[in-house]
Amino acid sequence: MSLGREDLIHSLAKSMGMGDAQKAKYTAGKYNADTGSIFSNGHVINKQTIEQSRLYFLNQYRKLASKDDEGAKDLAAIYEVAFEAINMMVESGKPDSPQ
């Protein structure tokens, strides 16, 4: 997360009355390509859970995208963002990917 974006998040939190407590609690997530894990806010999310999440969002997207309902299609787009974000994170950690 860039410093400017992080500062914006903290200033928004402060304006909502969360102040410095929110800043101390938040830590940016990091993806470790060697282990395939995500480290975020003191939690370790392992490779298996990441893959399960990716498949869940992909399956939900496929179910909803095929429906003839505008609300379902809107929700499908949200699931699409989630599984594409996971794909981008994992792909960016591969050694042969452009940085």
N, C-alpha and C. Protein backbone atom coordinates (compact mmCIF):
# COMPACT_ATOMS: atom_id res chain seq x y z
N MET A 1 0.85 -1.16 0.00
CA MET A 1 0.00 0.00 0.00
C MET A 1 0.90 1.23 0.00
N SER A 2 0.58 2.15 -0.86
CA SER A 2 1.42 3.34 -0.93
C SER A 2 1.20 4.22 0.29
N LEU A 3 2.20 5.02 0.59
CA LEU A 3 2.13 5.87 1.77
C LEU A 3 0.99 6.88 1.66
N GLY A 4 0.77 7.45 0.49
CA GLY A 4 -0.32 8.41 0.30
C GLY A 4 -1.67 7.79 0.56
N ARG A 5 -1.88 6.60 0.07
CA ARG A 5 -3.15 5.92 0.27
C ARG A 5 -3.36 5.58 1.74
N GLU A 6 -2.30 5.11 2.39
CA GLU A 6 -2.39 4.78 3.81
C GLU A 6 -2.72 6.02 4.64
N ASP A 7 -2.08 7.15 4.31
CA ASP A 7 -2.38 8.39 5.02
C ASP A 7 -3.84 8.80 4.82
N LEU A 8 -4.35 8.62 3.61
CA LEU A 8 -5.74 8.94 3.33
C LEU A 8 -6.68 8.08 4.18
N ILE A 9 -6.39 6.81 4.26
CA ILE A 9 -7.21 5.90 5.07
C ILE A 9 -7.22 6.34 6.52
N HIS A 10 -6.04 6.68 7.03
CA HIS A 10 -5.95 7.09 8.44
C HIS A 10 -6.64 8.43 8.68
N SER A 11 -6.56 9.34 7.73
CA SER A 11 -7.24 10.62 7.92
C SER A 11 -8.75 10.44 7.88
N LEU A 12 -9.23 9.52 7.03
CA LEU A 12 -10.66 9.23 7.01
C LEU A 12 -11.09 8.57 8.32
N ALA A 13 -10.28 7.66 8.83
CA ALA A 13 -10.59 7.02 10.11
C ALA A 13 -10.64 8.05 11.22
N LYS A 14 -9.70 8.97 11.20
CA LYS A 14 -9.66 10.01 12.23
C LYS A 14 -10.89 10.90 12.16
N SER A 15 -11.31 11.24 10.93
CA SER A 15 -12.50 12.08 10.78
C SER A 15 -13.76 11.36 11.25
N MET A 16 -13.71 10.03 11.28
CA MET A 16 -14.85 9.25 11.76
C MET A 16 -14.75 8.98 13.26
N GLY A 17 -13.72 9.55 13.91
CA GLY A 17 -13.58 9.39 15.35
C GLY A 17 -12.76 8.21 15.78
N MET A 18 -12.08 7.56 14.85
CA MET A 18 -11.29 6.39 15.21
C MET A 18 -9.88 6.77 15.61
N GLY A 19 -9.38 7.88 15.14
CA GLY A 19 -8.10 8.42 15.58
C GLY A 19 -6.92 7.50 15.40
N ASP A 20 -5.94 7.66 16.29
CA ASP A 20 -4.68 6.93 16.20
C ASP A 20 -4.82 5.45 16.56
N ALA A 21 -5.90 5.08 17.23
CA ALA A 21 -6.09 3.67 17.58
C ALA A 21 -6.22 2.84 16.31
N GLN A 22 -6.91 3.38 15.32
CA GLN A 22 -7.06 2.66 14.06
C GLN A 22 -5.72 2.54 13.35
N LYS A 23 -4.91 3.58 13.37
CA LYS A 23 -3.61 3.55 12.70
C LYS A 23 -2.69 2.52 13.34
N ALA A 24 -2.74 2.40 14.65
CA ALA A 24 -1.89 1.44 15.34
C ALA A 24 -2.34 0.01 15.06
N LYS A 25 -3.64 -0.17 14.82
CA LYS A 25 -4.20 -1.50 14.63
C LYS A 25 -3.99 -2.02 13.20
N TYR A 26 -3.91 -1.14 12.24
CA TYR A 26 -3.84 -1.53 10.84
C TYR A 26 -2.41 -1.78 10.39
N THR A 27 -2.20 -2.88 9.67
CA THR A 27 -0.93 -3.11 9.00
C THR A 27 -1.23 -3.59 7.60
N ALA A 28 -0.47 -3.14 6.64
CA ALA A 28 -0.67 -3.53 5.26
C ALA A 28 -0.35 -5.01 5.09
N GLY A 29 -1.10 -5.68 4.23
CA GLY A 29 -0.88 -7.08 3.95
C GLY A 29 0.30 -7.28 3.02
N LYS A 30 0.94 -8.41 3.16
CA LYS A 30 2.09 -8.75 2.31
C LYS A 30 1.90 -10.17 1.81
N TYR A 31 2.21 -10.38 0.53
CA TYR A 31 2.15 -11.71 -0.06
C TYR A 31 3.56 -12.26 -0.14
N ASN A 32 3.77 -13.45 0.39
CA ASN A 32 5.07 -14.11 0.34
C ASN A 32 5.01 -15.18 -0.75
N ALA A 33 5.65 -14.90 -1.89
CA ALA A 33 5.61 -15.81 -3.03
C ALA A 33 6.31 -17.13 -2.73
N ASP A 34 7.30 -17.13 -1.86
CA ASP A 34 8.02 -18.36 -1.53
C ASP A 34 7.12 -19.38 -0.82
N THR A 35 6.30 -18.91 0.10
CA THR A 35 5.42 -19.82 0.84
C THR A 35 3.99 -19.82 0.29
N GLY A 36 3.67 -18.80 -0.52
CA GLY A 36 2.31 -18.68 -1.03
C GLY A 36 1.33 -18.19 0.02
N SER A 37 1.83 -17.55 1.07
CA SER A 37 1.00 -17.07 2.18
C SER A 37 0.82 -15.56 2.14
N ILE A 38 -0.26 -15.11 2.76
CA ILE A 38 -0.50 -13.68 2.95
C ILE A 38 -0.35 -13.40 4.43
N PHE A 39 0.37 -12.33 4.75
CA PHE A 39 0.50 -11.87 6.13
C PHE A 39 -0.25 -10.54 6.22
N SER A 40 -1.29 -10.51 7.04
CA SER A 40 -2.12 -9.30 7.13
C SER A 40 -2.70 -9.15 8.52
N ASN A 41 -2.48 -7.98 9.12
CA ASN A 41 -3.04 -7.67 10.44
C ASN A 41 -2.79 -8.76 11.47
N GLY A 42 -1.58 -9.29 11.47
CA GLY A 42 -1.21 -10.30 12.45
C GLY A 42 -1.69 -11.70 12.15
N HIS A 43 -2.28 -11.92 10.98
CA HIS A 43 -2.77 -13.24 10.59
C HIS A 43 -1.93 -13.78 9.44
N VAL A 44 -1.81 -15.09 9.41
CA VAL A 44 -1.16 -15.76 8.29
C VAL A 44 -2.25 -16.54 7.56
N ILE A 45 -2.41 -16.25 6.27
CA ILE A 45 -3.38 -16.96 5.45
C ILE A 45 -2.57 -17.85 4.52
N ASN A 46 -2.74 -19.16 4.67
CA ASN A 46 -1.90 -20.10 3.93
C ASN A 46 -2.35 -20.27 2.47
N LYS A 47 -1.50 -20.91 1.70
CA LYS A 47 -1.71 -21.10 0.27
C LYS A 47 -3.02 -21.84 -0.02
N GLN A 48 -3.32 -22.86 0.78
CA GLN A 48 -4.54 -23.64 0.57
C GLN A 48 -5.79 -22.78 0.76
N THR A 49 -5.81 -21.96 1.78
CA THR A 49 -6.96 -21.08 2.02
C THR A 49 -7.10 -20.05 0.92
N ILE A 50 -5.98 -19.54 0.42
CA ILE A 50 -6.02 -18.57 -0.68
C ILE A 50 -6.64 -19.23 -1.91
N GLU A 51 -6.22 -20.45 -2.22
CA GLU A 51 -6.77 -21.16 -3.38
C GLU A 51 -8.26 -21.48 -3.19
N GLN A 52 -8.65 -21.87 -1.98
CA GLN A 52 -10.07 -22.12 -1.70
C GLN A 52 -10.88 -20.84 -1.89
N SER A 53 -10.33 -19.72 -1.47
CA SER A 53 -11.01 -18.43 -1.63
C SER A 53 -11.16 -18.09 -3.11
N ARG A 54 -10.08 -18.29 -3.86
CA ARG A 54 -10.12 -17.99 -5.29
C ARG A 54 -11.20 -18.82 -5.99
N LEU A 55 -11.24 -20.12 -5.68
CA LEU A 55 -12.24 -20.99 -6.28
C LEU A 55 -13.66 -20.65 -5.85
N TYR A 56 -13.83 -20.26 -4.60
CA TYR A 56 -15.15 -19.85 -4.10
C TYR A 56 -15.66 -18.65 -4.89
N PHE A 57 -14.82 -17.62 -5.00
CA PHE A 57 -15.24 -16.41 -5.71
C PHE A 57 -15.49 -16.69 -7.19
N LEU A 58 -14.66 -17.54 -7.79
CA LEU A 58 -14.85 -17.91 -9.19
C LEU A 58 -16.18 -18.65 -9.39
N ASN A 59 -16.47 -19.61 -8.52
CA ASN A 59 -17.73 -20.36 -8.63
C ASN A 59 -18.95 -19.47 -8.41
N GLN A 60 -18.87 -18.57 -7.44
CA GLN A 60 -19.99 -17.66 -7.20
C GLN A 60 -20.19 -16.73 -8.40
N TYR A 61 -19.09 -16.27 -8.96
CA TYR A 61 -19.17 -15.43 -10.16
C TYR A 61 -19.88 -16.17 -11.29
N ARG A 62 -19.46 -17.41 -11.55
CA ARG A 62 -20.05 -18.19 -12.64
C ARG A 62 -21.54 -18.43 -12.43
N LYS A 63 -21.94 -18.74 -11.20
CA LYS A 63 -23.36 -18.97 -10.90
C LYS A 63 -24.19 -17.71 -11.18
N LEU A 64 -23.69 -16.58 -10.70
CA LEU A 64 -24.47 -15.35 -10.79
C LEU A 64 -24.41 -14.69 -12.16
N ALA A 65 -23.28 -14.83 -12.84
CA ALA A 65 -23.14 -14.19 -14.16
C ALA A 65 -24.08 -14.81 -15.18
N SER A 66 -24.46 -16.05 -14.99
CA SER A 66 -25.32 -16.74 -15.95
C SER A 66 -26.81 -16.43 -15.73
N LYS A 67 -27.15 -15.77 -14.64
CA LYS A 67 -28.56 -15.47 -14.34
C LYS A 67 -29.01 -14.24 -15.12
N ASP A 68 -30.30 -14.23 -15.44
CA ASP A 68 -30.89 -13.11 -16.16
C ASP A 68 -31.53 -12.15 -15.15
N ASP A 69 -30.68 -11.57 -14.31
CA ASP A 69 -31.13 -10.67 -13.24
C ASP A 69 -30.05 -9.62 -13.05
N GLU A 70 -30.45 -8.37 -13.11
CA GLU A 70 -29.47 -7.28 -13.01
C GLU A 70 -28.75 -7.28 -11.66
N GLY A 71 -29.47 -7.56 -10.57
CA GLY A 71 -28.85 -7.62 -9.25
C GLY A 71 -27.83 -8.74 -9.15
N ALA A 72 -28.15 -9.89 -9.75
CA ALA A 72 -27.21 -11.02 -9.74
C ALA A 72 -25.96 -10.67 -10.54
N LYS A 73 -26.14 -9.98 -11.65
CA LYS A 73 -24.99 -9.59 -12.48
C LYS A 73 -24.11 -8.58 -11.75
N ASP A 74 -24.73 -7.67 -10.99
CA ASP A 74 -23.95 -6.72 -10.20
C ASP A 74 -23.12 -7.45 -9.14
N LEU A 75 -23.73 -8.41 -8.47
CA LEU A 75 -23.02 -9.18 -7.46
C LEU A 75 -21.93 -10.04 -8.11
N ALA A 76 -22.22 -10.56 -9.30
CA ALA A 76 -21.22 -11.35 -10.03
C ALA A 76 -19.97 -10.50 -10.30
N ALA A 77 -20.17 -9.23 -10.61
CA ALA A 77 -19.03 -8.34 -10.87
C ALA A 77 -18.17 -8.18 -9.62
N ILE A 78 -18.80 -8.15 -8.45
CA ILE A 78 -18.05 -8.04 -7.19
C ILE A 78 -17.22 -9.30 -6.96
N TYR A 79 -17.81 -10.46 -7.21
CA TYR A 79 -17.06 -11.71 -7.08
C TYR A 79 -15.92 -11.78 -8.10
N GLU A 80 -16.17 -11.26 -9.30
CA GLU A 80 -15.13 -11.25 -10.32
C GLU A 80 -13.92 -10.42 -9.87
N VAL A 81 -14.18 -9.28 -9.27
CA VAL A 81 -13.09 -8.44 -8.75
C VAL A 81 -12.28 -9.22 -7.72
N ALA A 82 -12.96 -9.93 -6.82
CA ALA A 82 -12.27 -10.67 -5.76
C ALA A 82 -11.38 -11.77 -6.34
N PHE A 83 -11.90 -12.58 -7.27
CA PHE A 83 -11.04 -13.67 -7.76
C PHE A 83 -9.95 -13.14 -8.67
N GLU A 84 -10.19 -12.06 -9.40
CA GLU A 84 -9.13 -11.48 -10.23
C GLU A 84 -8.04 -10.85 -9.35
N ALA A 85 -8.42 -10.25 -8.23
CA ALA A 85 -7.43 -9.67 -7.32
C ALA A 85 -6.53 -10.76 -6.74
N ILE A 86 -7.12 -11.89 -6.39
CA ILE A 86 -6.32 -13.00 -5.88
C ILE A 86 -5.38 -13.50 -6.98
N ASN A 87 -5.91 -13.64 -8.20
CA ASN A 87 -5.06 -14.08 -9.33
C ASN A 87 -3.90 -13.12 -9.56
N MET A 88 -4.17 -11.82 -9.52
CA MET A 88 -3.13 -10.82 -9.74
C MET A 88 -2.06 -10.90 -8.66
N MET A 89 -2.49 -11.08 -7.41
CA MET A 89 -1.54 -11.15 -6.31
C MET A 89 -0.62 -12.36 -6.47
N VAL A 90 -1.20 -13.51 -6.78
CA VAL A 90 -0.42 -14.73 -6.93
C VAL A 90 0.49 -14.63 -8.16
N GLU A 91 -0.03 -14.13 -9.27
CA GLU A 91 0.77 -14.00 -10.49
C GLU A 91 1.92 -13.02 -10.30
N SER A 92 1.72 -11.97 -9.54
CA SER A 92 2.78 -10.98 -9.34
C SER A 92 3.94 -11.53 -8.54
N GLY A 93 3.70 -12.62 -7.79
CA GLY A 93 4.75 -13.23 -6.99
C GLY A 93 5.57 -14.26 -7.72
N LYS A 94 5.18 -14.58 -8.95
CA LYS A 94 5.92 -15.58 -9.72
C LYS A 94 7.18 -14.96 -10.29
N PRO A 95 8.29 -15.70 -10.30
CA PRO A 95 9.57 -15.15 -10.74
C PRO A 95 9.59 -14.71 -12.20
N ASP A 96 8.83 -15.35 -13.09
CA ASP A 96 8.88 -15.00 -14.49
C ASP A 96 7.90 -13.90 -14.88
N SER A 97 7.17 -13.34 -13.91
CA SER A 97 6.21 -12.28 -14.23
C SER A 97 6.91 -10.93 -14.25
N PRO A 98 6.44 -10.03 -15.14
CA PRO A 98 7.05 -8.69 -15.17
C PRO A 98 6.69 -7.92 -13.91
N GLN A 99 7.64 -7.16 -13.38
CA GLN A 99 7.40 -6.43 -12.14
C GLN A 99 7.12 -4.98 -12.41
